[in-house]
Amino acid sequence: MKRLLKLAVIGGGLNSTIGQTHIKSINSTGKYKIYCGFFSRKKIINDKSAVEYKIPKGKVYKSLTKLIEKEKNNIDAALVLTPPDTRYEIFKKLAENRIDIISEKPFESSFNRTRKIYKIIKNKKINFLSTYNYLGYPGIMEMRPLIKRKIGKILNFVFEMPQQSITYDSSVMKKWRLKDKNIPNLYLDLASHLLSLTYYLFDEHPKQINNFASNRNKFKVIDNSFVWLKFKKFSGNFWFSKNSTGQRNQLSLRIFGNKGSVKWEHAKPEQIVFFDNKGKIEIINRLSKRSKFINNNKFYTYSAGHPNGFLDAFGNIYTAISKVIMEKTGKNTVPLILNLKQNYNIMSIMNTMHKASKKGGWNKVRTI
């Protein structure tokens, strides 16, 4: 009988926006046992979450300190699903007890705290693995080799992620999302995804950034941003927004090369469109024979014809994470899982992005 990884869950209670998706995805892989948890500081939510997630009463804790004290020798990793500005102390306690960390994106909400906790985690030599769920889509996984194989030299790209949450019905948004701190929540929520995609698809980070951002809403939080990014040999732009009425969870990726271009849209996740420089248009999907990822049934819950989505993507992420933890090498060799260094770099880039919106002009990016 195969051994299941024992997981402690911090946050992710029933009142969490994304918690239940993580739990369902973890259970769908067949590689984990949710062993214990501290789901919420509110007792009623903590208890109800434990019942929903089928956690025995004796394995539900009222504090992180108590959970670590009782379970640090029984678990393989801890999953952190709390809001970004709460994570510093959580990461610190887990790292000091040498517990491997899996975290919902983004890394943190403050770049100053990011620098401090990066050093602590690095010195403890534990795994730090994050869940940027779009990297788990087979269509995105297919784009990576496709770009290298078919479009030639990259010339430019356009990534767009418009949403409507602030203008549509801000009353359903979590209160902490309606107050910007060190780095605006718009960047933490959306730009972090786009930066994870540029690193995954291009194997590099931008060198310079320019940014125009606006906050035309009653909360005075940043709600719209146009970012220009310079890489070593090409450039591109991001548009991400929460004031675009009519747009839900949209994501569009277009990458242009001297031999062709590719396009992927979240509305059609199982399809990539390839255009060559001679006018040919090719649809790459789950029935394409020469594909590596997009037609591989192990990455889907259902057979072709049943659209995949968040759950499949998260399941692919957690399957990859289980491999890294089980190997116990301290090294992450799975491209779709971003490690401690890459999470630090994304925070650094977003910090530069925010500065660029205030200063104007091109701002140099510092990564490690």
Protein backbone atom coordinates (compact mmCIF):
# COMPACT_ATOMS: atom_id res chain seq x y z
CA MET A 1 0.00 0.00 0.00
CA LYS A 2 1.48 3.38 -1.01
CA ARG A 3 2.26 5.92 1.67
CA LEU A 4 0.16 9.08 1.68
CA LEU A 5 1.75 12.41 2.51
CA LYS A 6 0.41 13.73 5.82
CA LEU A 7 -0.63 17.34 5.47
CA ALA A 8 -1.45 20.04 8.02
CA VAL A 9 -3.73 22.78 6.69
CA ILE A 10 -3.42 26.34 8.02
CA GLY A 11 -6.38 28.53 7.03
CA GLY A 12 -8.68 27.52 4.19
CA GLY A 13 -11.82 27.32 6.32
CA LEU A 14 -15.33 27.24 4.91
CA ASN A 15 -15.38 31.04 4.75
CA SER A 16 -12.27 31.04 2.55
CA THR A 17 -12.65 31.97 -1.11
CA ILE A 18 -10.26 29.31 -2.34
CA GLY A 19 -9.91 26.86 0.57
CA GLN A 20 -12.46 24.29 -0.55
CA THR A 21 -10.96 24.16 -4.04
CA HIS A 22 -7.57 23.30 -2.55
CA ILE A 23 -9.04 20.60 -0.33
CA LYS A 24 -10.99 19.00 -3.18
CA SER A 25 -7.94 19.08 -5.43
CA ILE A 26 -5.68 17.56 -2.79
CA ASN A 27 -8.16 14.73 -2.17
CA SER A 28 -8.54 14.10 -5.92
CA THR A 29 -4.84 13.22 -6.32
CA GLY A 30 -4.90 10.21 -4.00
CA LYS A 31 -1.46 11.21 -2.73
CA TYR A 32 -2.28 13.06 0.49
CA LYS A 33 -4.03 12.59 3.82
CA ILE A 34 -5.22 15.81 5.43
CA TYR A 35 -3.95 14.84 8.86
CA CYS A 36 -4.68 17.90 10.98
CA GLY A 37 -5.58 21.55 10.73
CA PHE A 38 -6.05 25.03 12.14
CA PHE A 39 -8.62 26.37 9.69
CA SER A 40 -9.77 29.59 11.35
CA ARG A 41 -9.30 31.69 14.47
CA LYS A 42 -13.10 31.72 14.76
CA LYS A 43 -14.05 28.60 16.72
CA ILE A 44 -17.34 27.94 14.93
CA ILE A 45 -15.70 28.14 11.48
CA ASN A 46 -12.73 26.06 12.64
CA ASP A 47 -15.04 23.33 13.94
CA LYS A 48 -17.43 23.37 10.97
CA SER A 49 -14.50 23.23 8.53
CA ALA A 50 -13.09 20.21 10.33
CA VAL A 51 -16.42 18.40 10.02
CA GLU A 52 -16.70 19.30 6.32
CA TYR A 53 -13.12 18.17 5.63
CA LYS A 54 -13.59 15.00 7.74
CA ILE A 55 -10.84 15.82 10.24
CA PRO A 56 -11.09 14.04 13.65
CA LYS A 57 -11.77 16.34 16.61
CA GLY A 58 -8.43 15.50 18.18
CA LYS A 59 -6.60 16.76 15.09
CA VAL A 60 -8.22 20.21 14.98
CA TYR A 61 -6.24 22.94 16.75
CA LYS A 62 -7.05 26.40 18.13
CA SER A 63 -3.60 27.81 17.35
CA LEU A 64 -0.64 27.20 15.07
CA THR A 65 1.68 26.93 18.08
CA LYS A 66 -0.34 24.04 19.51
CA LEU A 67 -0.57 22.29 16.13
CA ILE A 68 3.21 22.42 15.64
CA GLU A 69 3.87 21.30 19.21
CA LYS A 70 1.68 18.21 18.82
CA GLU A 71 2.14 17.31 15.15
CA LYS A 72 5.52 18.49 13.81
CA ASN A 73 6.91 14.96 13.93
CA ASN A 74 3.80 13.45 12.36
CA ILE A 75 3.35 15.56 9.23
CA ASP A 76 5.24 15.81 5.93
CA ALA A 77 4.28 19.40 5.09
CA ALA A 78 1.99 22.29 6.00
CA LEU A 79 -0.32 23.99 3.52
CA VAL A 80 -0.81 27.73 4.17
CA LEU A 81 -4.05 29.24 2.83
CA THR A 82 -4.33 32.40 4.94
CA PRO A 83 -4.36 35.96 3.45
CA PRO A 84 -0.90 37.17 2.30
CA ASP A 85 -0.40 39.73 5.07
CA THR A 86 -0.73 37.03 7.76
CA ARG A 87 1.90 34.67 6.42
CA TYR A 88 5.17 36.03 7.80
CA GLU A 89 4.70 34.66 11.32
CA ILE A 90 3.23 31.41 10.00
CA PHE A 91 6.15 30.80 7.63
CA LYS A 92 8.60 31.73 10.38
CA LYS A 93 7.17 29.23 12.88
CA LEU A 94 7.00 26.44 10.30
CA ALA A 95 10.54 27.10 9.08
CA GLU A 96 11.96 27.20 12.61
CA ASN A 97 10.46 23.73 13.11
CA ARG A 98 11.83 22.55 9.75
CA ILE A 99 8.41 21.78 8.29
CA ASP A 100 8.12 21.86 4.49
CA ILE A 101 5.78 24.63 3.31
CA ILE A 102 3.19 24.64 0.52
CA SER A 103 1.56 28.03 0.04
CA GLU A 104 -1.20 29.59 -1.97
CA LYS A 105 0.16 32.43 -4.08
CA PRO A 106 1.44 35.12 -3.66
CA PHE A 107 4.34 34.71 -1.24
CA GLU A 108 3.49 37.64 1.05
CA SER A 109 2.04 41.16 0.85
CA SER A 110 5.14 43.11 1.92
CA PHE A 111 8.50 43.04 0.16
CA ASN A 112 10.31 43.99 3.37
CA ARG A 113 8.86 40.96 5.15
CA THR A 114 9.55 38.85 2.06
CA ARG A 115 13.28 39.61 2.32
CA LYS A 116 13.35 38.61 5.98
CA ILE A 117 11.40 35.38 5.66
CA TYR A 118 13.27 34.37 2.50
CA LYS A 119 16.52 34.28 4.49
CA ILE A 120 14.95 32.30 7.33
CA ILE A 121 13.44 29.65 5.04
CA LYS A 122 16.59 29.40 2.93
CA ASN A 123 18.80 28.88 6.00
CA LYS A 124 16.56 26.08 7.28
CA LYS A 125 16.90 24.25 3.91
CA ILE A 126 13.29 23.16 3.71
CA ASN A 127 11.01 22.91 0.69
CA PHE A 128 8.94 25.98 -0.12
CA LEU A 129 6.47 25.30 -2.94
CA SER A 130 3.67 27.54 -4.21
CA THR A 131 0.41 26.94 -6.06
CA TYR A 132 0.07 29.22 -9.09
CA ASN A 133 -2.86 27.26 -10.44
CA TYR A 134 -2.76 28.42 -14.09
CA LEU A 135 0.57 26.60 -14.46
CA GLY A 136 -1.35 23.36 -13.93
CA TYR A 137 -3.52 23.79 -17.02
CA PRO A 138 -2.44 21.29 -19.70
CA GLY A 139 -2.88 24.04 -22.32
CA ILE A 140 -0.31 26.20 -20.52
CA MET A 141 1.96 23.18 -20.06
CA GLU A 142 1.73 22.55 -23.82
CA MET A 143 2.61 26.15 -24.66
CA ARG A 144 6.04 25.89 -23.05
CA PRO A 145 7.53 23.37 -25.56
CA LEU A 146 5.39 24.84 -28.37
CA ILE A 147 7.03 28.24 -27.99
CA LYS A 148 10.50 26.73 -28.16
CA ARG A 149 9.62 24.49 -31.10
CA LYS A 150 7.37 26.47 -33.41
CA ILE A 151 7.31 30.26 -33.15
CA GLY A 152 11.02 31.00 -33.58
CA LYS A 153 12.63 34.02 -31.96
CA ILE A 154 10.23 35.71 -29.52
CA LEU A 155 9.50 39.30 -30.53
CA ASN A 156 6.79 40.42 -28.11
CA PHE A 157 3.81 39.27 -26.06
CA VAL A 158 0.49 40.50 -24.66
CA PHE A 159 -0.97 39.03 -21.46
CA GLU A 160 -4.39 40.28 -20.33
CA MET A 161 -6.29 39.53 -17.13
CA PRO A 162 -9.35 41.81 -16.80
CA GLN A 163 -11.93 41.25 -14.05
CA GLN A 164 -14.96 43.13 -12.75
CA SER A 165 -14.99 42.50 -9.00
CA ILE A 166 -14.77 46.12 -7.81
CA THR A 167 -17.26 47.64 -10.24
CA TYR A 168 -19.67 44.68 -10.29
CA ASP A 169 -20.39 44.00 -6.60
CA SER A 170 -17.67 44.95 -4.15
CA SER A 171 -19.88 43.88 -1.23
CA VAL A 172 -18.96 40.23 -1.76
CA MET A 173 -15.23 40.93 -1.66
CA LYS A 174 -13.20 40.14 1.44
CA LYS A 175 -12.58 43.32 3.46
CA TRP A 176 -8.81 42.87 3.42
CA ARG A 177 -8.89 43.05 -0.40
CA LEU A 178 -10.35 46.56 -0.22
CA LYS A 179 -7.33 48.08 1.49
CA ASP A 180 -3.92 48.34 -0.16
CA LYS A 181 -0.78 48.03 1.94
CA ASN A 182 2.87 47.68 0.91
CA ILE A 183 2.06 46.17 -2.49
CA PRO A 184 -1.47 46.76 -3.92
CA ASN A 185 -3.82 43.78 -3.77
CA LEU A 186 -4.40 44.05 -7.52
CA TYR A 187 -0.75 43.08 -8.07
CA LEU A 188 -0.82 40.35 -5.43
CA ASP A 189 -4.00 38.84 -6.91
CA LEU A 190 -3.40 39.20 -10.65
CA ALA A 191 0.10 40.43 -11.54
CA SER A 192 1.62 37.57 -9.55
CA HIS A 193 -0.18 35.10 -11.84
CA LEU A 194 1.07 36.87 -14.96
CA LEU A 195 4.65 36.95 -13.65
CA SER A 196 4.50 33.23 -12.83
CA LEU A 197 3.43 32.64 -16.43
CA THR A 198 6.24 34.74 -17.94
CA TYR A 199 8.80 32.84 -15.90
CA TYR A 200 7.28 29.45 -16.72
CA LEU A 201 6.96 30.16 -20.45
CA PHE A 202 10.14 32.22 -21.03
CA ASP A 203 12.53 30.91 -18.32
CA GLU A 204 13.48 34.45 -17.36
CA HIS A 205 12.29 37.52 -15.53
CA PRO A 206 11.95 41.07 -16.93
CA LYS A 207 14.91 43.44 -16.63
CA GLN A 208 12.97 46.71 -16.68
CA ILE A 209 9.38 47.76 -16.01
CA ASN A 210 7.17 50.75 -16.71
CA ASN A 211 3.67 50.96 -15.26
CA PHE A 212 0.56 53.12 -15.40
CA ALA A 213 -1.90 52.31 -12.62
CA SER A 214 -5.17 53.92 -11.53
CA ASN A 215 -7.54 53.82 -8.53
CA ARG A 216 -10.84 55.24 -9.74
CA ASN A 217 -13.07 53.65 -7.12
CA LYS A 218 -14.58 54.63 -3.78
CA PHE A 219 -12.06 52.52 -1.86
CA LYS A 220 -9.06 54.26 -3.49
CA VAL A 221 -7.33 50.92 -4.09
CA ILE A 222 -5.41 50.29 -7.29
CA ASP A 223 -7.92 48.69 -9.68
CA ASN A 224 -6.36 48.89 -13.15
CA SER A 225 -2.80 48.59 -14.46
CA PHE A 226 -0.97 48.70 -17.79
CA VAL A 227 2.59 47.38 -17.49
CA TRP A 228 5.37 47.34 -20.08
CA LEU A 229 8.16 44.80 -19.54
CA LYS A 230 11.61 44.56 -21.15
CA PHE A 231 13.33 41.18 -21.19
CA LYS A 232 16.81 40.41 -22.56
CA LYS A 233 15.82 40.12 -26.22
CA PHE A 234 12.10 40.92 -26.39
CA SER A 235 9.40 42.96 -24.69
CA GLY A 236 5.71 42.76 -23.92
CA ASN A 237 2.88 44.14 -21.87
CA PHE A 238 0.38 43.21 -19.17
CA TRP A 239 -3.11 44.58 -18.70
CA PHE A 240 -4.79 43.47 -15.51
CA SER A 241 -7.84 45.02 -13.93
CA LYS A 242 -10.67 44.70 -11.41
CA ASN A 243 -12.77 47.54 -12.85
CA SER A 244 -13.63 45.93 -16.19
CA THR A 245 -17.37 45.34 -16.02
CA GLY A 246 -18.49 42.30 -17.98
CA GLN A 247 -15.18 40.47 -17.51
CA ARG A 248 -15.14 37.63 -14.99
CA ASN A 249 -12.06 35.44 -14.62
CA GLN A 250 -10.60 36.26 -18.01
CA LEU A 251 -7.04 35.44 -19.00
CA SER A 252 -5.58 35.76 -22.49
CA LEU A 253 -2.00 34.97 -23.53
CA ARG A 254 -0.60 35.93 -26.95
CA ILE A 255 3.06 35.37 -27.81
CA PHE A 256 4.54 36.50 -31.13
CA GLY A 257 7.71 35.18 -32.78
CA ASN A 258 9.45 35.66 -36.14
CA LYS A 259 8.11 32.30 -37.41
CA GLY A 260 4.67 32.27 -35.85
CA SER A 261 2.54 33.04 -32.80
CA VAL A 262 0.42 31.22 -30.22
CA LYS A 263 -2.73 32.17 -28.35
CA TRP A 264 -4.39 30.65 -25.27
CA GLU A 265 -7.55 31.85 -23.54
CA HIS A 266 -9.01 30.81 -20.21
CA ALA A 267 -12.45 30.71 -21.84
CA LYS A 268 -11.16 27.88 -24.08
CA PRO A 269 -8.57 26.19 -21.85
CA GLU A 270 -8.19 23.02 -23.91
CA GLN A 271 -7.25 24.84 -27.10
CA ILE A 272 -4.12 26.61 -28.34
CA VAL A 273 -4.19 28.48 -31.64
CA PHE A 274 -0.95 28.55 -33.64
CA PHE A 275 -0.43 30.98 -36.53
CA ASP A 276 2.62 30.63 -38.79
CA ASN A 277 4.21 33.36 -40.91
CA LYS A 278 2.76 31.88 -44.11
CA GLY A 279 -0.88 32.26 -43.15
CA LYS A 280 -1.48 28.79 -41.72
CA ILE A 281 -3.75 28.50 -38.67
CA GLU A 282 -3.55 25.33 -36.55
CA ILE A 283 -5.82 24.39 -33.65
CA ILE A 284 -4.01 22.32 -31.02
CA ASN A 285 -6.33 20.51 -28.61
CA ARG A 286 -6.93 17.24 -26.80
CA LEU A 287 -7.27 15.36 -30.06
CA SER A 288 -3.94 16.61 -31.48
CA LYS A 289 -1.67 13.60 -31.94
CA ARG A 290 1.71 15.31 -31.75
CA SER A 291 1.10 17.02 -28.43
CA LYS A 292 2.78 16.19 -25.13
CA PHE A 293 0.51 17.61 -22.42
CA ILE A 294 -2.77 18.89 -23.81
CA ASN A 295 -3.83 15.44 -25.10
CA ASN A 296 -2.58 13.46 -22.08
CA ASN A 297 -5.59 12.11 -20.16
CA LYS A 298 -3.65 11.86 -16.88
CA PHE A 299 -3.90 15.65 -16.57
CA TYR A 300 -7.72 15.65 -16.73
CA THR A 301 -10.56 14.47 -14.54
CA TYR A 302 -12.74 13.68 -17.54
CA SER A 303 -12.29 12.46 -21.09
CA ALA A 304 -12.12 14.80 -24.10
CA GLY A 305 -15.32 16.77 -24.54
CA HIS A 306 -15.64 17.59 -20.83
CA PRO A 307 -13.87 20.93 -20.25
CA ASN A 308 -11.19 20.98 -17.57
CA GLY A 309 -10.72 23.83 -15.15
CA PHE A 310 -9.52 24.92 -11.73
CA LEU A 311 -9.91 21.53 -10.08
CA ASP A 312 -7.87 19.66 -12.68
CA ALA A 313 -5.22 22.39 -12.69
CA PHE A 314 -4.86 22.36 -8.92
CA GLY A 315 -4.79 18.55 -8.95
CA ASN A 316 -1.87 18.64 -11.39
CA ILE A 317 -0.09 21.15 -9.16
CA TYR A 318 -0.53 19.03 -6.04
CA THR A 319 0.54 15.85 -7.83
CA ALA A 320 3.77 17.61 -8.83
CA ILE A 321 4.27 18.96 -5.30
CA SER A 322 3.92 15.46 -3.83
CA LYS A 323 6.77 14.31 -6.07
CA VAL A 324 9.07 17.08 -4.83
CA ILE A 325 8.31 16.40 -1.16
CA MET A 326 8.64 12.62 -1.48
CA GLU A 327 12.06 12.93 -3.16
CA LYS A 328 13.41 14.71 -0.04
CA THR A 329 16.28 16.24 -2.02
CA GLY A 330 15.47 19.82 -1.11
CA LYS A 331 15.53 20.63 -4.82
CA ASN A 332 12.57 21.43 -7.05
CA THR A 333 13.02 20.07 -10.58
CA VAL A 334 9.35 20.42 -11.62
CA PRO A 335 8.93 23.56 -13.80
CA LEU A 336 5.27 24.19 -12.97
CA ILE A 337 6.03 24.49 -9.24
CA LEU A 338 7.71 27.77 -8.31
CA ASN A 339 10.20 27.50 -5.46
CA LEU A 340 11.37 29.93 -2.76
CA LYS A 341 13.69 31.84 -5.08
CA GLN A 342 11.07 32.33 -7.78
CA ASN A 343 8.48 33.47 -5.25
CA TYR A 344 10.97 36.00 -3.89
CA ASN A 345 11.63 37.26 -7.42
CA ILE A 346 7.93 37.69 -8.18
CA MET A 347 7.56 39.77 -5.01
CA SER A 348 10.58 41.86 -6.00
CA ILE A 349 9.17 42.49 -9.48
CA MET A 350 5.77 43.51 -8.09
CA ASN A 351 7.50 45.86 -5.67
CA THR A 352 9.30 47.45 -8.63
CA MET A 353 6.03 47.56 -10.53
CA HIS A 354 4.41 49.54 -7.73
CA LYS A 355 7.35 51.96 -7.57
CA ALA A 356 7.21 52.42 -11.35
CA SER A 357 3.56 53.48 -11.14
CA LYS A 358 4.57 56.26 -8.74
CA LYS A 359 7.86 57.38 -10.28
CA GLY A 360 7.08 56.91 -13.95
CA GLY A 361 9.60 55.88 -16.61
CA TRP A 362 11.56 52.67 -16.80
CA ASN A 363 12.58 51.07 -13.51
CA LYS A 364 15.28 48.44 -13.16
CA VAL A 365 14.22 45.06 -11.74
CA ARG A 366 16.43 43.32 -9.17
CA THR A 367 16.14 39.54 -8.95
CA ILE A 368 18.34 36.85 -7.40
